[in-house]
Amino acid sequence: MVPPEGGDLASRDVLTAHHPNCLAWYPAESDVSIRPGWFWHASRGSQVKTPAKLLDLYCTSVGRNSVLLLNVPPNRDGRISDPGTAAPTSFGQTVRATYGSNLLVPPAAPR
């Protein structure tokens, strides 16, 4: 057993030392609904999370190496309501504007 302050805490060799046939990786998943509850309710139509709140959820899930599963439930007609589409659309625009450029790639040289 490697002590907690040891140098190798999670290599394949260390992980398989005690359970050689059980090494598996499961990605973290953050399941969040865009409004209170998992299903659509007419009384909750105005309680959609704001684009700022969605960006915070993105940063604290995807930014911490988790998958963000954002539930946007359809209404009784099988359609996404206007508030249910406006917030994710604005959130998506903010994410693309914030993270859309790879800062590690140098800009193209002018011609």
N, C-alpha and C. Protein backbone atom coordinates (compact mmCIF):
# COMPACT_ATOMS: atom_id res chain seq x y z
N MET A 1 0.85 -1.19 0.00
CA MET A 1 0.00 0.00 0.00
C MET A 1 0.88 1.24 0.00
N VAL A 2 0.57 2.18 -0.87
CA VAL A 2 1.32 3.42 -0.96
C VAL A 2 0.76 4.41 0.05
N PRO A 3 1.60 5.02 0.88
CA PRO A 3 1.08 6.00 1.84
C PRO A 3 0.52 7.22 1.09
N PRO A 4 -0.43 7.94 1.70
CA PRO A 4 -1.08 9.07 1.03
C PRO A 4 -0.10 10.15 0.57
N GLU A 5 1.03 10.25 1.22
CA GLU A 5 2.00 11.27 0.82
C GLU A 5 3.01 10.72 -0.17
N GLY A 6 2.80 9.50 -0.65
CA GLY A 6 3.72 8.87 -1.60
C GLY A 6 3.69 9.57 -2.95
N GLY A 7 4.69 9.30 -3.75
CA GLY A 7 4.80 9.96 -5.03
C GLY A 7 3.88 9.40 -6.10
N ASP A 8 3.60 8.10 -6.08
CA ASP A 8 2.77 7.48 -7.11
C ASP A 8 1.47 7.03 -6.47
N LEU A 9 0.44 7.81 -6.64
CA LEU A 9 -0.84 7.51 -6.00
C LEU A 9 -1.87 6.89 -6.94
N ALA A 10 -1.70 7.08 -8.25
CA ALA A 10 -2.78 6.63 -9.14
C ALA A 10 -2.30 6.13 -10.50
N SER A 11 -1.10 5.62 -10.58
CA SER A 11 -0.69 5.05 -11.86
C SER A 11 -1.43 3.72 -12.06
N ARG A 12 -1.42 3.21 -13.29
CA ARG A 12 -2.09 1.94 -13.57
C ARG A 12 -1.54 0.83 -12.67
N ASP A 13 -0.22 0.82 -12.45
CA ASP A 13 0.39 -0.22 -11.59
C ASP A 13 -0.16 -0.16 -10.17
N VAL A 14 -0.28 1.03 -9.63
CA VAL A 14 -0.78 1.18 -8.27
C VAL A 14 -2.26 0.80 -8.20
N LEU A 15 -3.03 1.25 -9.18
CA LEU A 15 -4.47 0.98 -9.15
C LEU A 15 -4.79 -0.50 -9.34
N THR A 16 -3.99 -1.20 -10.14
CA THR A 16 -4.27 -2.61 -10.41
C THR A 16 -3.58 -3.55 -9.43
N ALA A 17 -2.78 -3.04 -8.52
CA ALA A 17 -2.05 -3.91 -7.58
C ALA A 17 -3.01 -4.76 -6.74
N HIS A 18 -4.13 -4.19 -6.31
CA HIS A 18 -5.06 -4.91 -5.43
C HIS A 18 -6.24 -5.50 -6.19
N HIS A 19 -6.61 -4.91 -7.32
CA HIS A 19 -7.77 -5.36 -8.09
C HIS A 19 -7.40 -5.35 -9.58
N PRO A 20 -6.60 -6.30 -10.03
CA PRO A 20 -6.08 -6.26 -11.39
C PRO A 20 -7.14 -6.35 -12.50
N ASN A 21 -8.30 -6.87 -12.22
CA ASN A 21 -9.32 -7.02 -13.26
C ASN A 21 -10.45 -5.99 -13.15
N CYS A 22 -10.27 -5.01 -12.30
CA CYS A 22 -11.37 -4.08 -12.03
C CYS A 22 -11.05 -2.63 -12.36
N LEU A 23 -10.00 -2.38 -13.10
CA LEU A 23 -9.67 -1.01 -13.41
C LEU A 23 -10.64 -0.48 -14.46
N ALA A 24 -11.38 0.55 -14.10
CA ALA A 24 -12.32 1.17 -15.01
C ALA A 24 -12.37 2.66 -14.72
N TRP A 25 -12.66 3.43 -15.74
CA TRP A 25 -12.78 4.88 -15.57
C TRP A 25 -14.19 5.29 -15.92
N TYR A 26 -14.81 6.03 -15.05
CA TYR A 26 -16.14 6.55 -15.28
C TYR A 26 -16.07 8.06 -15.21
N PRO A 27 -16.43 8.75 -16.27
CA PRO A 27 -16.35 10.22 -16.22
C PRO A 27 -17.37 10.79 -15.25
N ALA A 28 -17.00 11.87 -14.62
CA ALA A 28 -17.93 12.56 -13.74
C ALA A 28 -19.00 13.22 -14.60
N GLU A 29 -20.23 13.25 -14.11
CA GLU A 29 -21.32 13.88 -14.85
C GLU A 29 -22.10 14.76 -13.90
N SER A 30 -22.31 15.99 -14.30
CA SER A 30 -23.09 16.95 -13.52
C SER A 30 -24.44 17.13 -14.20
N ASP A 31 -25.48 16.61 -13.59
CA ASP A 31 -26.83 16.67 -14.14
C ASP A 31 -27.58 17.85 -13.52
N VAL A 32 -28.00 18.79 -14.36
CA VAL A 32 -28.65 20.01 -13.87
C VAL A 32 -29.84 20.30 -14.77
N SER A 33 -30.95 20.70 -14.18
CA SER A 33 -32.10 21.11 -14.97
C SER A 33 -32.08 22.63 -15.10
N ILE A 34 -32.57 23.12 -16.21
CA ILE A 34 -32.55 24.55 -16.47
C ILE A 34 -33.56 25.30 -15.60
N ARG A 35 -34.49 24.57 -15.02
CA ARG A 35 -35.49 25.17 -14.11
C ARG A 35 -35.69 24.22 -12.94
N PRO A 36 -36.37 24.63 -11.88
CA PRO A 36 -36.60 23.72 -10.76
C PRO A 36 -37.33 22.45 -11.22
N GLY A 37 -36.88 21.33 -10.76
CA GLY A 37 -37.47 20.07 -11.17
C GLY A 37 -36.91 19.59 -12.49
N TRP A 38 -37.11 18.32 -12.79
CA TRP A 38 -36.54 17.73 -14.00
C TRP A 38 -37.50 17.84 -15.18
N PHE A 39 -38.80 18.02 -14.92
CA PHE A 39 -39.80 18.06 -15.97
C PHE A 39 -40.39 19.45 -16.10
N TRP A 40 -40.99 19.74 -17.25
CA TRP A 40 -41.60 21.03 -17.52
C TRP A 40 -42.87 21.19 -16.71
N HIS A 41 -43.07 22.37 -16.15
CA HIS A 41 -44.31 22.74 -15.46
C HIS A 41 -44.62 24.18 -15.83
N ALA A 42 -45.84 24.46 -16.20
CA ALA A 42 -46.22 25.82 -16.61
C ALA A 42 -45.92 26.83 -15.51
N SER A 43 -46.08 26.45 -14.27
CA SER A 43 -45.87 27.38 -13.16
C SER A 43 -44.40 27.72 -12.95
N ARG A 44 -43.49 26.99 -13.60
CA ARG A 44 -42.06 27.24 -13.42
C ARG A 44 -41.41 27.86 -14.66
N GLY A 45 -42.23 28.30 -15.59
CA GLY A 45 -41.72 28.86 -16.84
C GLY A 45 -40.81 30.06 -16.65
N SER A 46 -41.06 30.85 -15.62
CA SER A 46 -40.24 32.05 -15.40
C SER A 46 -39.03 31.77 -14.50
N GLN A 47 -38.84 30.53 -14.10
CA GLN A 47 -37.75 30.19 -13.18
C GLN A 47 -36.56 29.56 -13.89
N VAL A 48 -36.38 29.88 -15.15
CA VAL A 48 -35.26 29.36 -15.93
C VAL A 48 -33.96 29.99 -15.43
N LYS A 49 -32.92 29.19 -15.33
CA LYS A 49 -31.62 29.70 -14.89
C LYS A 49 -31.12 30.74 -15.88
N THR A 50 -30.51 31.78 -15.38
CA THR A 50 -30.00 32.85 -16.23
C THR A 50 -28.74 32.39 -16.97
N PRO A 51 -28.39 33.06 -18.07
CA PRO A 51 -27.14 32.73 -18.75
C PRO A 51 -25.93 32.84 -17.82
N ALA A 52 -25.94 33.79 -16.91
CA ALA A 52 -24.82 33.94 -15.95
C ALA A 52 -24.74 32.72 -15.03
N LYS A 53 -25.89 32.22 -14.57
CA LYS A 53 -25.91 31.03 -13.72
C LYS A 53 -25.46 29.80 -14.51
N LEU A 54 -25.88 29.71 -15.77
CA LEU A 54 -25.45 28.59 -16.61
C LEU A 54 -23.94 28.63 -16.84
N LEU A 55 -23.37 29.82 -17.02
CA LEU A 55 -21.93 29.94 -17.19
C LEU A 55 -21.21 29.51 -15.91
N ASP A 56 -21.76 29.88 -14.76
CA ASP A 56 -21.18 29.45 -13.48
C ASP A 56 -21.23 27.94 -13.36
N LEU A 57 -22.34 27.33 -13.73
CA LEU A 57 -22.45 25.86 -13.71
C LEU A 57 -21.44 25.22 -14.65
N TYR A 58 -21.24 25.82 -15.82
CA TYR A 58 -20.27 25.33 -16.80
C TYR A 58 -18.86 25.36 -16.21
N CYS A 59 -18.51 26.48 -15.61
CA CYS A 59 -17.16 26.64 -15.06
C CYS A 59 -16.91 25.69 -13.89
N THR A 60 -17.95 25.41 -13.11
CA THR A 60 -17.77 24.54 -11.94
C THR A 60 -18.04 23.07 -12.25
N SER A 61 -18.38 22.75 -13.48
CA SER A 61 -18.52 21.33 -13.87
C SER A 61 -17.49 21.01 -14.95
N VAL A 62 -17.66 21.55 -16.13
CA VAL A 62 -16.71 21.31 -17.22
C VAL A 62 -15.33 21.81 -16.83
N GLY A 63 -15.29 22.94 -16.16
CA GLY A 63 -14.02 23.51 -15.70
C GLY A 63 -13.32 22.66 -14.65
N ARG A 64 -14.03 21.71 -14.10
CA ARG A 64 -13.45 20.78 -13.11
C ARG A 64 -13.44 19.35 -13.64
N ASN A 65 -13.42 19.22 -14.96
CA ASN A 65 -13.27 17.94 -15.65
C ASN A 65 -14.49 17.04 -15.51
N SER A 66 -15.67 17.63 -15.54
CA SER A 66 -16.91 16.87 -15.50
C SER A 66 -17.70 17.15 -16.78
N VAL A 67 -18.60 16.26 -17.12
CA VAL A 67 -19.50 16.47 -18.25
C VAL A 67 -20.73 17.19 -17.71
N LEU A 68 -21.16 18.24 -18.39
CA LEU A 68 -22.36 18.96 -17.97
C LEU A 68 -23.54 18.46 -18.80
N LEU A 69 -24.51 17.88 -18.14
CA LEU A 69 -25.74 17.44 -18.78
C LEU A 69 -26.83 18.43 -18.37
N LEU A 70 -27.19 19.30 -19.28
CA LEU A 70 -28.19 20.34 -19.00
C LEU A 70 -29.54 19.88 -19.52
N ASN A 71 -30.47 19.66 -18.61
CA ASN A 71 -31.81 19.23 -18.97
C ASN A 71 -32.65 20.45 -19.35
N VAL A 72 -33.17 20.45 -20.56
CA VAL A 72 -34.09 21.48 -21.03
C VAL A 72 -35.36 20.75 -21.46
N PRO A 73 -36.31 20.59 -20.53
CA PRO A 73 -37.48 19.74 -20.82
C PRO A 73 -38.46 20.40 -21.79
N PRO A 74 -39.07 19.61 -22.65
CA PRO A 74 -40.10 20.14 -23.55
C PRO A 74 -41.41 20.35 -22.80
N ASN A 75 -42.24 21.24 -23.34
CA ASN A 75 -43.55 21.46 -22.73
C ASN A 75 -44.52 20.36 -23.15
N ARG A 76 -45.79 20.52 -22.84
CA ARG A 76 -46.78 19.48 -23.14
C ARG A 76 -46.99 19.26 -24.64
N ASP A 77 -46.61 20.25 -25.44
CA ASP A 77 -46.72 20.12 -26.89
C ASP A 77 -45.47 19.51 -27.51
N GLY A 78 -44.50 19.18 -26.67
CA GLY A 78 -43.25 18.60 -27.17
C GLY A 78 -42.27 19.63 -27.69
N ARG A 79 -42.48 20.89 -27.36
CA ARG A 79 -41.62 21.97 -27.82
C ARG A 79 -40.90 22.60 -26.64
N ILE A 80 -39.74 23.18 -26.91
CA ILE A 80 -39.01 23.90 -25.87
C ILE A 80 -39.57 25.32 -25.84
N SER A 81 -39.95 25.78 -24.65
CA SER A 81 -40.55 27.11 -24.53
C SER A 81 -39.51 28.20 -24.80
N ASP A 82 -39.98 29.41 -25.10
CA ASP A 82 -39.07 30.51 -25.41
C ASP A 82 -38.05 30.78 -24.31
N PRO A 83 -38.48 30.86 -23.02
CA PRO A 83 -37.46 31.06 -21.99
C PRO A 83 -36.47 29.89 -21.91
N GLY A 84 -36.94 28.70 -22.28
CA GLY A 84 -36.08 27.52 -22.25
C GLY A 84 -35.04 27.51 -23.36
N THR A 85 -35.25 28.30 -24.41
CA THR A 85 -34.25 28.37 -25.48
C THR A 85 -33.40 29.62 -25.40
N ALA A 86 -33.94 30.71 -24.88
CA ALA A 86 -33.19 31.97 -24.83
C ALA A 86 -31.98 31.88 -23.92
N ALA A 87 -32.14 31.31 -22.72
CA ALA A 87 -31.02 31.25 -21.77
C ALA A 87 -29.89 30.36 -22.29
N PRO A 88 -30.14 29.14 -22.78
CA PRO A 88 -29.02 28.35 -23.29
C PRO A 88 -28.38 28.95 -24.54
N THR A 89 -29.17 29.62 -25.36
CA THR A 89 -28.60 30.26 -26.56
C THR A 89 -27.63 31.36 -26.16
N SER A 90 -28.03 32.21 -25.23
CA SER A 90 -27.15 33.27 -24.75
C SER A 90 -25.93 32.69 -24.04
N PHE A 91 -26.16 31.66 -23.26
CA PHE A 91 -25.05 30.97 -22.56
C PHE A 91 -24.06 30.41 -23.58
N GLY A 92 -24.54 29.77 -24.64
CA GLY A 92 -23.67 29.22 -25.67
C GLY A 92 -22.86 30.30 -26.36
N GLN A 93 -23.48 31.44 -26.63
CA GLN A 93 -22.75 32.55 -27.24
C GLN A 93 -21.64 33.05 -26.31
N THR A 94 -21.93 33.10 -25.02
CA THR A 94 -20.93 33.54 -24.04
C THR A 94 -19.77 32.55 -23.97
N VAL A 95 -20.07 31.26 -23.97
CA VAL A 95 -19.01 30.24 -23.93
C VAL A 95 -18.13 30.33 -25.17
N ARG A 96 -18.75 30.46 -26.34
CA ARG A 96 -17.97 30.57 -27.58
C ARG A 96 -17.12 31.84 -27.59
N ALA A 97 -17.67 32.95 -27.11
CA ALA A 97 -16.91 34.21 -27.06
C ALA A 97 -15.75 34.12 -26.06
N THR A 98 -15.98 33.42 -24.96
CA THR A 98 -14.96 33.32 -23.91
C THR A 98 -13.90 32.29 -24.23
N TYR A 99 -14.30 31.12 -24.71
CA TYR A 99 -13.38 30.00 -24.89
C TYR A 99 -13.19 29.58 -26.35
N GLY A 100 -13.71 30.35 -27.29
CA GLY A 100 -13.69 29.96 -28.69
C GLY A 100 -12.34 30.04 -29.38
N SER A 101 -11.41 30.76 -28.80
CA SER A 101 -10.08 30.89 -29.42
C SER A 101 -9.06 30.08 -28.64
N ASN A 102 -8.30 29.26 -29.36
CA ASN A 102 -7.23 28.49 -28.74
C ASN A 102 -6.06 29.43 -28.51
N LEU A 103 -5.78 29.75 -27.28
CA LEU A 103 -4.73 30.70 -26.95
C LEU A 103 -3.33 30.13 -27.13
N LEU A 104 -3.22 28.84 -27.34
CA LEU A 104 -1.91 28.21 -27.54
C LEU A 104 -1.47 28.26 -28.99
N VAL A 105 -2.40 28.52 -29.89
CA VAL A 105 -2.06 28.58 -31.32
C VAL A 105 -1.68 30.03 -31.66
N PRO A 106 -0.48 30.22 -32.18
CA PRO A 106 -0.10 31.60 -32.53
C PRO A 106 -0.96 32.11 -33.68
N PRO A 107 -1.24 33.40 -33.70
CA PRO A 107 -2.03 33.95 -34.80
C PRO A 107 -1.27 33.84 -36.13
N ALA A 108 -2.00 33.77 -37.19
CA ALA A 108 -1.38 33.68 -38.52
C ALA A 108 -0.60 34.96 -38.81
N ALA A 109 0.53 34.80 -39.46
CA ALA A 109 1.35 35.95 -39.82
C ALA A 109 0.65 36.76 -40.90
N PRO A 110 0.73 38.10 -40.81
CA PRO A 110 0.10 38.91 -41.85
C PRO A 110 0.80 38.71 -43.19
N ARG A 111 0.05 38.84 -44.25
CA ARG A 111 0.62 38.64 -45.60
C ARG A 111 1.18 39.90 -46.14
